[in-house]
C-alpha atoms as a PDB file:
ATOM      1  CA  UNK A   1      25.809 -17.854  29.020  1.00  0.00           C
ATOM      2  CA  UNK A   2      23.501 -16.177  26.507  1.00  0.00           C
ATOM      3  CA  UNK A   3      20.010 -17.610  26.750  1.00  0.00           C
ATOM      4  CA  UNK A   4      18.616 -15.468  23.904  1.00  0.00           C
ATOM      5  CA  UNK A   5      19.279 -18.136  21.279  1.00  0.00           C
ATOM      6  CA  UNK A   6      17.470 -20.769  23.339  1.00  0.00           C
ATOM      7  CA  UNK A   7      14.487 -18.515  23.953  1.00  0.00           C
ATOM      8  CA  UNK A   8      14.319 -17.332  20.356  1.00  0.00           C
ATOM      9  CA  UNK A   9      13.759 -13.782  19.131  1.00  0.00           C
ATOM     10  CA  UNK A  10      11.378 -11.539  21.036  1.00  0.00           C
ATOM     11  CA  UNK A  11       7.921 -11.336  19.450  1.00  0.00           C
ATOM     12  CA  UNK A  12       7.362  -8.394  17.138  1.00  0.00           C
ATOM     13  CA  UNK A  13       4.692  -5.766  17.763  1.00  0.00           C
ATOM     14  CA  UNK A  14       2.562  -7.406  15.084  1.00  0.00           C
ATOM     15  CA  UNK A  15       2.892 -10.806  16.788  1.00  0.00           C
ATOM     16  CA  UNK A  16       2.048  -9.373  20.212  1.00  0.00           C
ATOM     17  CA  UNK A  17      -1.061  -7.672  18.837  1.00  0.00           C
ATOM     18  CA  UNK A  18      -2.141 -10.847  17.029  1.00  0.00           C
ATOM     19  CA  UNK A  19      -1.713 -12.965  20.175  1.00  0.00           C
ATOM     20  CA  UNK A  20      -3.679 -10.499  22.317  1.00  0.00           C
ATOM     21  CA  UNK A  21      -6.568 -10.211  19.870  1.00  0.00           C
ATOM     22  CA  UNK A  22      -6.756 -13.988  19.567  1.00  0.00           C
ATOM     23  CA  UNK A  23      -6.606 -14.394  23.382  1.00  0.00           C
ATOM     24  CA  UNK A  24      -9.431 -11.909  23.933  1.00  0.00           C
ATOM     25  CA  UNK A  25     -11.653 -13.598  21.362  1.00  0.00           C
ATOM     26  CA  UNK A  26     -11.022 -17.009  22.926  1.00  0.00           C
ATOM     27  CA  UNK A  27     -11.792 -15.647  26.407  1.00  0.00           C
ATOM     28  CA  UNK A  28     -15.065 -14.171  25.148  1.00  0.00           C
ATOM     29  CA  UNK A  29     -16.019 -17.477  23.507  1.00  0.00           C
ATOM     30  CA  UNK A  30     -16.790 -15.767  20.191  1.00  0.00           C
ATOM     31  CA  UNK A  31     -16.140 -17.572  16.916  1.00  0.00           C
ATOM     32  CA  UNK A  32     -14.003 -16.028  14.205  1.00  0.00           C
ATOM     33  CA  UNK A  33     -16.992 -15.977  11.858  1.00  0.00           C
ATOM     34  CA  UNK A  34     -19.220 -14.209  14.375  1.00  0.00           C
ATOM     35  CA  UNK A  35     -16.566 -11.638  15.229  1.00  0.00           C
ATOM     36  CA  UNK A  36     -15.881 -10.979  11.548  1.00  0.00           C
ATOM     37  CA  UNK A  37     -19.542 -10.064  11.016  1.00  0.00           C
ATOM     38  CA  UNK A  38     -19.546  -7.772  14.043  1.00  0.00           C
ATOM     39  CA  UNK A  39     -16.333  -5.967  13.033  1.00  0.00           C
ATOM     40  CA  UNK A  40     -17.354  -5.777   9.380  1.00  0.00           C
ATOM     41  CA  UNK A  41     -14.448  -7.748   7.892  1.00  0.00           C
ATOM     42  CA  UNK A  42     -14.102 -11.200   6.323  1.00  0.00           C
ATOM     43  CA  UNK A  43     -13.536 -14.344   8.364  1.00  0.00           C
ATOM     44  CA  UNK A  44     -10.321 -14.936   6.420  1.00  0.00           C
ATOM     45  CA  UNK A  45      -9.062 -11.521   7.514  1.00  0.00           C
ATOM     46  CA  UNK A  46      -9.758 -12.393  11.150  1.00  0.00           C
ATOM     47  CA  UNK A  47      -7.621 -15.505  10.640  1.00  0.00           C
ATOM     48  CA  UNK A  48      -4.808 -13.512   9.006  1.00  0.00           C
ATOM     49  CA  UNK A  49      -4.915 -10.909  11.790  1.00  0.00           C
ATOM     50  CA  UNK A  50      -4.684 -13.576  14.495  1.00  0.00           C
ATOM     51  CA  UNK A  51      -1.865 -15.294  12.621  1.00  0.00           C
ATOM     52  CA  UNK A  52       0.062 -12.031  12.456  1.00  0.00           C
ATOM     53  CA  UNK A  53      -0.057 -12.016   8.654  1.00  0.00           C
ATOM     54  CA  UNK A  54      -1.763  -8.613   8.474  1.00  0.00           C
ATOM     55  CA  UNK A  55      -1.996  -5.646  10.835  1.00  0.00           C
ATOM     56  CA  UNK A  56      -5.588  -4.452  11.340  1.00  0.00           C
ATOM     57  CA  UNK A  57      -6.444  -0.760  11.255  1.00  0.00           C
ATOM     58  CA  UNK A  58      -6.955   1.066  14.543  1.00  0.00           C
ATOM     59  CA  UNK A  59     -10.737   1.404  13.946  1.00  0.00           C
ATOM     60  CA  UNK A  60     -10.918  -2.369  13.341  1.00  0.00           C
ATOM     61  CA  UNK A  61      -9.031  -3.053  16.584  1.00  0.00           C
ATOM     62  CA  UNK A  62     -11.265  -0.615  18.482  1.00  0.00           C
ATOM     63  CA  UNK A  63     -14.405  -2.326  17.159  1.00  0.00           C
ATOM     64  CA  UNK A  64     -12.855  -5.742  17.912  1.00  0.00           C
ATOM     65  CA  UNK A  65     -12.440  -4.746  21.565  1.00  0.00           C
ATOM     66  CA  UNK A  66     -15.897  -3.166  21.850  1.00  0.00           C
ATOM     67  CA  UNK A  67     -17.626  -6.206  20.369  1.00  0.00           C
ATOM     68  CA  UNK A  68     -15.853  -8.444  22.879  1.00  0.00           C
ATOM     69  CA  UNK A  69     -16.751  -6.105  25.742  1.00  0.00           C
ATOM     70  CA  UNK A  70     -13.190  -5.525  26.923  1.00  0.00           C
ATOM     71  CA  UNK A  71     -12.579  -2.984  29.719  1.00  0.00           C
ATOM     72  CA  UNK A  72     -11.188   0.495  29.039  1.00  0.00           C
ATOM     73  CA  UNK A  73      -7.666  -0.397  30.166  1.00  0.00           C
ATOM     74  CA  UNK A  74      -7.573  -3.374  27.818  1.00  0.00           C
ATOM     75  CA  UNK A  75      -8.771  -1.168  24.963  1.00  0.00           C
ATOM     76  CA  UNK A  76      -5.948   1.265  25.710  1.00  0.00           C
ATOM     77  CA  UNK A  77      -3.454  -1.595  25.620  1.00  0.00           C
ATOM     78  CA  UNK A  78      -4.831  -2.736  22.259  1.00  0.00           C
ATOM     79  CA  UNK A  79      -4.434   0.799  20.902  1.00  0.00           C
ATOM     80  CA  UNK A  80      -0.814   0.915  22.096  1.00  0.00           C
ATOM     81  CA  UNK A  81      -0.069  -2.493  20.562  1.00  0.00           C
ATOM     82  CA  UNK A  82      -1.638  -1.433  17.261  1.00  0.00           C
ATOM     83  CA  UNK A  83       0.417   1.762  17.112  1.00  0.00           C
ATOM     84  CA  UNK A  84       3.576  -0.210  17.907  1.00  0.00           C
ATOM     85  CA  UNK A  85       2.797  -2.719  15.148  1.00  0.00           C
ATOM     86  CA  UNK A  86       2.308   0.080  12.631  1.00  0.00           C
ATOM     87  CA  UNK A  87       5.559   1.768  13.560  1.00  0.00           C
ATOM     88  CA  UNK A  88       7.826  -1.217  12.984  1.00  0.00           C
ATOM     89  CA  UNK A  89       9.436  -2.441   9.789  1.00  0.00           C
ATOM     90  CA  UNK A  90       7.964  -5.558   8.173  1.00  0.00           C
ATOM     91  CA  UNK A  91      10.695  -7.316   6.123  1.00  0.00           C
ATOM     92  CA  UNK A  92       9.913  -8.277   2.530  1.00  0.00           C
ATOM     93  CA  UNK A  93      11.417 -11.748   2.859  1.00  0.00           C
ATOM     94  CA  UNK A  94       8.677 -13.003   5.177  1.00  0.00           C
ATOM     95  CA  UNK A  95       5.919 -11.810   2.806  1.00  0.00           C
ATOM     96  CA  UNK A  96       7.702 -13.136  -0.276  1.00  0.00           C
ATOM     97  CA  UNK A  97       7.837 -16.631   1.215  1.00  0.00           C
ATOM     98  CA  UNK A  98       4.096 -16.992   0.518  1.00  0.00           C
ATOM     99  CA  UNK A  99       2.859 -16.188  -3.008  1.00  0.00           C
ATOM    100  CA  UNK A 100       0.094 -13.599  -3.073  1.00  0.00           C
ATOM    101  CA  UNK A 101       0.611 -12.304   0.469  1.00  0.00           C
ATOM    102  CA  UNK A 102       2.057  -8.972  -0.729  1.00  0.00           C
ATOM    103  CA  UNK A 103      -0.945  -8.288  -2.955  1.00  0.00           C
ATOM    104  CA  UNK A 104      -3.447  -9.455  -0.331  1.00  0.00           C
ATOM    105  CA  UNK A 105      -1.865  -7.219   2.289  1.00  0.00           C
ATOM    106  CA  UNK A 106      -1.962  -4.213  -0.033  1.00  0.00           C
ATOM    107  CA  UNK A 107      -5.598  -4.905  -0.941  1.00  0.00           C
ATOM    108  CA  UNK A 108      -6.547  -5.222   2.735  1.00  0.00           C
ATOM    109  CA  UNK A 109      -5.295  -1.696   3.462  1.00  0.00           C
ATOM    110  CA  UNK A 110      -6.650  -0.220   0.236  1.00  0.00           C
ATOM    111  CA  UNK A 111     -10.094  -1.687   0.877  1.00  0.00           C
ATOM    112  CA  UNK A 112     -10.617   0.345   4.075  1.00  0.00           C
ATOM    113  CA  UNK A 113      -9.295   3.612   2.617  1.00  0.00           C
ATOM    114  CA  UNK A 114     -11.783   6.081   1.168  1.00  0.00           C
ATOM    115  CA  UNK A 115      -8.944   8.349   0.023  1.00  0.00           C
ATOM    116  CA  UNK A 116      -5.526   7.144  -1.096  1.00  0.00           C
ATOM    117  CA  UNK A 117      -2.586   9.355  -2.069  1.00  0.00           C
ATOM    118  CA  UNK A 118       0.399   7.647  -3.699  1.00  0.00           C
ATOM    119  CA  UNK A 119       3.769   9.208  -4.574  1.00  0.00           C
ATOM    120  CA  UNK A 120       6.255   7.253  -6.670  1.00  0.00           C
ATOM    121  CA  UNK A 121       9.638   8.651  -7.803  1.00  0.00           C
ATOM    122  CA  UNK A 122      10.982   5.507  -9.491  1.00  0.00           C
ATOM    123  CA  UNK A 123       8.234   3.205 -10.804  1.00  0.00           C
ATOM    124  CA  UNK A 124       4.618   3.446 -12.001  1.00  0.00           C
ATOM    125  CA  UNK A 125       2.355   2.717  -8.979  1.00  0.00           C
ATOM    126  CA  UNK A 126       0.896  -0.792  -8.834  1.00  0.00           C
ATOM    127  CA  UNK A 127      -2.712   0.420  -9.106  1.00  0.00           C
ATOM    128  CA  UNK A 128      -1.892   1.925 -12.524  1.00  0.00           C
ATOM    129  CA  UNK A 129       0.290  -0.838 -13.966  1.00  0.00           C
ATOM    130  CA  UNK A 130      -0.551  -2.885 -17.040  1.00  0.00           C
ATOM    131  CA  UNK A 131      -0.389  -6.655 -16.548  1.00  0.00           C
ATOM    132  CA  UNK A 132       2.915  -7.001 -18.426  1.00  0.00           C
ATOM    133  CA  UNK A 133       4.516  -4.045 -16.632  1.00  0.00           C
ATOM    134  CA  UNK A 134       3.389  -5.603 -13.318  1.00  0.00           C
ATOM    135  CA  UNK A 135       4.869  -8.976 -14.292  1.00  0.00           C
ATOM    136  CA  UNK A 136       8.253  -7.410 -15.041  1.00  0.00           C
ATOM    137  CA  UNK A 137       8.256  -5.432 -11.789  1.00  0.00           C
ATOM    138  CA  UNK A 138       7.286  -8.466  -9.689  1.00  0.00           C
ATOM    139  CA  UNK A 139      10.099 -10.572 -11.179  1.00  0.00           C
ATOM    140  CA  UNK A 140      12.581  -7.882 -10.092  1.00  0.00           C
ATOM    141  CA  UNK A 141      11.982  -8.939  -6.483  1.00  0.00           C
ATOM    142  CA  UNK A 142      14.390 -11.749  -7.453  1.00  0.00           C
ATOM    143  CA  UNK A 143      12.208 -14.430  -5.911  1.00  0.00           C
ATOM    144  CA  UNK A 144      12.101 -17.746  -7.750  1.00  0.00           C
ATOM    145  CA  UNK A 145       8.451 -17.911  -8.753  1.00  0.00           C
ATOM    146  CA  UNK A 146       6.849 -21.025 -10.169  1.00  0.00           C
ATOM    147  CA  UNK A 147       4.937 -20.157 -13.360  1.00  0.00           C
ATOM    148  CA  UNK A 148       1.554 -20.540 -11.649  1.00  0.00           C
ATOM    149  CA  UNK A 149       2.649 -18.436  -8.681  1.00  0.00           C
ATOM    150  CA  UNK A 150       3.843 -15.601 -10.917  1.00  0.00           C
ATOM    151  CA  UNK A 151       0.605 -15.612 -12.915  1.00  0.00           C
ATOM    152  CA  UNK A 152      -1.406 -15.554  -9.678  1.00  0.00           C
ATOM    153  CA  UNK A 153       0.674 -12.679  -8.303  1.00  0.00           C
ATOM    154  CA  UNK A 154       0.139 -10.610 -11.451  1.00  0.00           C
ATOM    155  CA  UNK A 155      -3.580 -11.437 -11.512  1.00  0.00           C
ATOM    156  CA  UNK A 156      -3.987 -10.304  -7.900  1.00  0.00           C
ATOM    157  CA  UNK A 157      -2.199  -7.019  -8.588  1.00  0.00           C
ATOM    158  CA  UNK A 158      -4.434  -6.346 -11.579  1.00  0.00           C
ATOM    159  CA  UNK A 159      -7.510  -7.335  -9.528  1.00  0.00           C
ATOM    160  CA  UNK A 160      -6.643  -4.648  -6.973  1.00  0.00           C
ATOM    161  CA  UNK A 161      -7.202  -2.058  -9.712  1.00  0.00           C
ATOM    162  CA  UNK A 162     -10.973  -2.694  -9.657  1.00  0.00           C
ATOM    163  CA  UNK A 163     -11.026  -0.304  -6.684  1.00  0.00           C
ATOM    164  CA  UNK A 164     -10.295   2.572  -9.094  1.00  0.00           C
ATOM    165  CA  UNK A 165     -13.797   2.188 -10.540  1.00  0.00           C
ATOM    166  CA  UNK A 166     -15.493   2.639  -7.152  1.00  0.00           C
ATOM    167  CA  UNK A 167     -16.819   6.208  -7.432  1.00  0.00           C
ATOM    168  CA  UNK A 168     -17.227   6.405  -3.672  1.00  0.00           C
ATOM    169  CA  UNK A 169     -13.463   6.370  -3.208  1.00  0.00           C
ATOM    170  CA  UNK A 170     -10.844   8.899  -4.265  1.00  0.00           C
ATOM    171  CA  UNK A 171      -7.358   8.164  -5.605  1.00  0.00           C
ATOM    172  CA  UNK A 172      -4.519  10.636  -6.144  1.00  0.00           C
ATOM    173  CA  UNK A 173      -1.157   9.824  -7.709  1.00  0.00           C
ATOM    174  CA  UNK A 174       2.044  11.835  -8.076  1.00  0.00           C
ATOM    175  CA  UNK A 175       4.586  10.284 -10.451  1.00  0.00           C
ATOM    176  CA  UNK A 176       7.965  11.673 -11.480  1.00  0.00           C
ATOM    177  CA  UNK A 177       9.117  11.796 -15.091  1.00  0.00           C
ATOM    178  CA  UNK A 178      11.959   9.456 -14.107  1.00  0.00           C
ATOM    179  CA  UNK A 179       9.385   6.839 -13.076  1.00  0.00           C
ATOM    180  CA  UNK A 180       7.552   7.271 -16.392  1.00  0.00           C
ATOM    181  CA  UNK A 181      10.767   6.706 -18.360  1.00  0.00           C
ATOM    182  CA  UNK A 182      12.086   3.790 -16.272  1.00  0.00           C
ATOM    183  CA  UNK A 183      12.072   0.659 -18.459  1.00  0.00           C
ATOM    184  CA  UNK A 184      11.392  -2.752 -16.958  1.00  0.00           C
ATOM    185  CA  UNK A 185      10.957  -4.017 -20.545  1.00  0.00           C
ATOM    186  CA  UNK A 186      10.670  -2.963 -24.163  1.00  0.00           C
ATOM    187  CA  UNK A 187       9.634   0.400 -25.574  1.00  0.00           C
ATOM    188  CA  UNK A 188       6.356  -1.204 -26.669  1.00  0.00           C
ATOM    189  CA  UNK A 189       5.660  -2.212 -23.069  1.00  0.00           C
ATOM    190  CA  UNK A 190       6.387   1.303 -21.837  1.00  0.00           C
ATOM    191  CA  UNK A 191       4.227   2.944 -24.506  1.00  0.00           C
ATOM    192  CA  UNK A 192       1.303   0.721 -23.475  1.00  0.00           C
ATOM    193  CA  UNK A 193       1.912   1.721 -19.858  1.00  0.00           C
ATOM    194  CA  UNK A 194       1.862   5.441 -20.680  1.00  0.00           C
ATOM    195  CA  UNK A 195      -1.394   4.956 -22.570  1.00  0.00           C
ATOM    196  CA  UNK A 196      -2.868   3.172 -19.546  1.00  0.00           C
ATOM    197  CA  UNK A 197      -1.997   6.107 -17.274  1.00  0.00           C
ATOM    198  CA  UNK A 198      -3.587   8.582 -19.685  1.00  0.00           C
ATOM    199  CA  UNK A 199      -6.764   6.496 -19.853  1.00  0.00           C
ATOM    200  CA  UNK A 200      -7.142   6.148 -16.073  1.00  0.00           C
ATOM    201  CA  UNK A 201      -6.532   9.880 -15.595  1.00  0.00           C
ATOM    202  CA  UNK A 202      -9.946  10.528 -17.168  1.00  0.00           C
ATOM    203  CA  UNK A 203     -11.813   8.766 -14.325  1.00  0.00           C
ATOM    204  CA  UNK A 204     -13.714  11.250 -12.161  1.00  0.00           C
ATOM    205  CA  UNK A 205     -12.411   9.870  -8.861  1.00  0.00           C
ATOM    206  CA  UNK A 206      -8.789   9.488 -10.021  1.00  0.00           C
ATOM    207  CA  UNK A 207      -6.347  12.408 -10.157  1.00  0.00           C
ATOM    208  CA  UNK A 208      -2.898  11.818 -11.633  1.00  0.00           C
ATOM    209  CA  UNK A 209      -0.164  14.418 -11.316  1.00  0.00           C
ATOM    210  CA  UNK A 210       3.139  14.192 -13.187  1.00  0.00           C
ATOM    211  CA  UNK A 211       6.348  15.850 -12.029  1.00  0.00           C
ATOM    212  CA  UNK A 212       8.554  16.789 -15.042  1.00  0.00           C
ATOM    213  CA  UNK A 213      12.322  16.809 -14.640  1.00  0.00           C
ATOM    214  CA  UNK A 214      12.498  20.461 -15.739  1.00  0.00           C
ATOM    215  CA  UNK A 215      10.209  21.610 -12.913  1.00  0.00           C
ATOM    216  CA  UNK A 216      11.826  23.822 -10.284  1.00  0.00           C
ATOM    217  CA  UNK A 217      12.007  21.747  -7.087  1.00  0.00           C
ATOM    218  CA  UNK A 218       9.998  22.726  -4.012  1.00  0.00           C
ATOM    219  CA  UNK A 219      11.094  19.650  -2.027  1.00  0.00           C
ATOM    220  CA  UNK A 220      13.072  16.407  -2.288  1.00  0.00           C
ATOM    221  CA  UNK A 221      11.801  13.330  -4.153  1.00  0.00           C
ATOM    222  CA  UNK A 222      13.551  10.863  -1.871  1.00  0.00           C
ATOM    223  CA  UNK A 223      11.301   7.793  -1.662  1.00  0.00           C
ATOM    224  CA  UNK A 224       7.781   6.646  -2.390  1.00  0.00           C
ATOM    225  CA  UNK A 225       4.977   6.647   0.145  1.00  0.00           C
ATOM    226  CA  UNK A 226       1.214   6.046   0.357  1.00  0.00           C
ATOM    227  CA  UNK A 227      -1.191   8.007   2.567  1.00  0.00           C
ATOM    228  CA  UNK A 228      -4.358   6.100   3.530  1.00  0.00           C
ATOM    229  CA  UNK A 229      -7.424   7.903   4.853  1.00  0.00           C
ATOM    230  CA  UNK A 230     -10.515   6.098   6.109  1.00  0.00           C
ATOM    231  CA  UNK A 231     -14.039   7.201   6.961  1.00  0.00           C
ATOM    232  CA  UNK A 232     -12.750   8.978  10.047  1.00  0.00           C
ATOM    233  CA  UNK A 233     -10.684  11.428   7.987  1.00  0.00           C
ATOM    234  CA  UNK A 234      -7.374  12.523   9.493  1.00  0.00           C
ATOM    235  CA  UNK A 235      -8.153  10.636  12.700  1.00  0.00           C
ATOM    236  CA  UNK A 236      -8.240   7.456  10.626  1.00  0.00           C
ATOM    237  CA  UNK A 237      -5.090   7.922   8.544  1.00  0.00           C
ATOM    238  CA  UNK A 238      -1.836   6.029   8.125  1.00  0.00           C
ATOM    239  CA  UNK A 239       1.230   6.053   5.898  1.00  0.00           C
ATOM    240  CA  UNK A 240       3.076   3.230   4.152  1.00  0.00           C
ATOM    241  CA  UNK A 241       6.753   3.711   3.315  1.00  0.00           C
ATOM    242  CA  UNK A 242       8.512   1.146   1.124  1.00  0.00           C
ATOM    243  CA  UNK A 243      12.221   0.484   1.661  1.00  0.00           C
ATOM    244  CA  UNK A 244      14.677  -1.954   0.139  1.00  0.00           C
ATOM    245  CA  UNK A 245      14.493  -4.447   3.011  1.00  0.00           C
ATOM    246  CA  UNK A 246      10.850  -4.034   3.989  1.00  0.00           C
ATOM    247  CA  UNK A 247       7.921  -1.704   4.535  1.00  0.00           C
ATOM    248  CA  UNK A 248       6.922   0.465   7.443  1.00  0.00           C
ATOM    249  CA  UNK A 249       3.436   1.670   8.299  1.00  0.00           C
ATOM    250  CA  UNK A 250       2.781   4.452  10.748  1.00  0.00           C
ATOM    251  CA  UNK A 251      -0.497   5.709  12.109  1.00  0.00           C
ATOM    252  CA  UNK A 252       1.029   8.286  14.467  1.00  0.00           C
ATOM    253  CA  UNK A 253      -0.638  11.656  13.770  1.00  0.00           C
ATOM    254  CA  UNK A 254       2.660  13.576  13.924  1.00  0.00           C
ATOM    255  CA  UNK A 255       4.202  11.260  11.322  1.00  0.00           C
ATOM    256  CA  UNK A 256       1.186  11.361   9.037  1.00  0.00           C
ATOM    257  CA  UNK A 257       1.306  15.177   9.144  1.00  0.00           C
ATOM    258  CA  UNK A 258       4.927  15.130   7.969  1.00  0.00           C
ATOM    259  CA  UNK A 259       3.961  13.095   4.909  1.00  0.00           C
ATOM    260  CA  UNK A 260       0.921  15.274   4.218  1.00  0.00           C
ATOM    261  CA  UNK A 261       3.214  18.317   4.224  1.00  0.00           C
ATOM    262  CA  UNK A 262       5.593  16.572   1.814  1.00  0.00           C
ATOM    263  CA  UNK A 263       2.653  15.621  -0.429  1.00  0.00           C
ATOM    264  CA  UNK A 264       1.522  19.255  -0.588  1.00  0.00           C
ATOM    265  CA  UNK A 265       5.004  20.380  -1.642  1.00  0.00           C
ATOM    266  CA  UNK A 266       5.280  17.655  -4.280  1.00  0.00           C
ATOM    267  CA  UNK A 267       1.859  18.600  -5.610  1.00  0.00           C
ATOM    268  CA  UNK A 268       3.127  22.116  -6.303  1.00  0.00           C
ATOM    269  CA  UNK A 269       5.638  20.627  -8.764  1.00  0.00           C
ATOM    270  CA  UNK A 270       3.060  18.544 -10.643  1.00  0.00           C
ATOM    271  CA  UNK A 271       0.939  19.041 -13.747  1.00  0.00           C
ATOM    272  CA  UNK A 272      -2.552  17.559 -14.075  1.00  0.00           C
ATOM    273  CA  UNK A 273      -5.437  16.767 -16.449  1.00  0.00           C
ATOM    274  CA  UNK A 274      -4.998  17.847 -20.103  1.00  0.00           C
ATOM    275  CA  UNK A 275      -1.531  19.257 -19.431  1.00  0.00           C
ATOM    276  CA  UNK A 276      -0.462  15.933 -17.922  1.00  0.00           C
ATOM    277  CA  UNK A 277      -1.920  13.957 -20.843  1.00  0.00           C
ATOM    278  CA  UNK A 278      -0.071  16.192 -23.327  1.00  0.00           C
ATOM    279  CA  UNK A 279       3.109  15.550 -21.358  1.00  0.00           C
ATOM    280  CA  UNK A 280       2.518  11.781 -21.573  1.00  0.00           C
ATOM    281  CA  UNK A 281       2.133  12.162 -25.348  1.00  0.00           C
ATOM    282  CA  UNK A 282       5.443  14.019 -25.536  1.00  0.00           C
ATOM    283  CA  UNK A 283       7.233  11.319 -23.513  1.00  0.00           C
ATOM    284  CA  UNK A 284       5.730   8.642 -25.777  1.00  0.00           C
ATOM    285  CA  UNK A 285       6.753  10.563 -28.898  1.00  0.00           C
ATOM    286  CA  UNK A 286      10.271  10.899 -27.544  1.00  0.00           C
ATOM    287  CA  UNK A 287      10.449   7.166 -26.871  1.00  0.00           C
ATOM    288  CA  UNK A 288       9.353   6.355 -30.435  1.00  0.00           C
ATOM    289  CA  UNK A 289      11.988   8.719 -31.828  1.00  0.00           C
ATOM    290  CA  UNK A 290      14.709   7.126 -29.717  1.00  0.00           C
ATOM    291  CA  UNK A 291      13.641   3.676 -30.872  1.00  0.00           C
ATOM    292  CA  UNK A 292      13.600   4.633 -34.576  1.00  0.00           C
ATOM    293  CA  UNK A 293      17.106   6.034 -34.255  1.00  0.00           C
END
């Protein structure tokens, strides 16, 4: 007899970490509000962490343990649980069940990064999207959104872009020409999106590189990924990889180094600054010509 169905699926790494963090806080008799202030995060984030809705960063988990006075062995176990949670796949379907969770999760990770490097081979990155472009992309998740839910989802994605104006943080983007030409809507929509990219590329803390199709390849452009770096530099880095069925985050140093090496190779294929803006103009001009014909 197979008892697995009766017992239910084994808890995920994220769920195990959430349960342990919640247990330790309860044992210490510390309120969620008090702990949030000590760790330097919001009370709502503490709730989402303990519910398994979001995976905290390793520095947050380390501070969580220190503020609760846990012994060294317990701190080591928390570190292991955090690394396990980061190295597992988190399916899209669970996040899509609750409107806004995808955007909130992305904002949580972006908010603790002082440097963010984003490579996209197939779509304009969310932090650079116009509201209408974002709306079209979000609907392609093929989730049945109520009108209010869709508006809220778009608004939250656009709200995330306020981080670009924080001069204390640095953002780098690498976008392929294929992504620039991909059309989730009309030519007018795409022209507005290209103009948005050109405008944001003038911000002092934002660097946007474009990879033309005619560029000689130095590496493969297989899938998109984001590299997050916190105040601790390389010791406080992680990578997000988006797949069709879900997303995977990894904080393992050896994995992060692989993606840094890929980023450096991709960067060699890119054009920047005035050259990139001239290229955007040429793509826009080409789109207008195609439309007129």
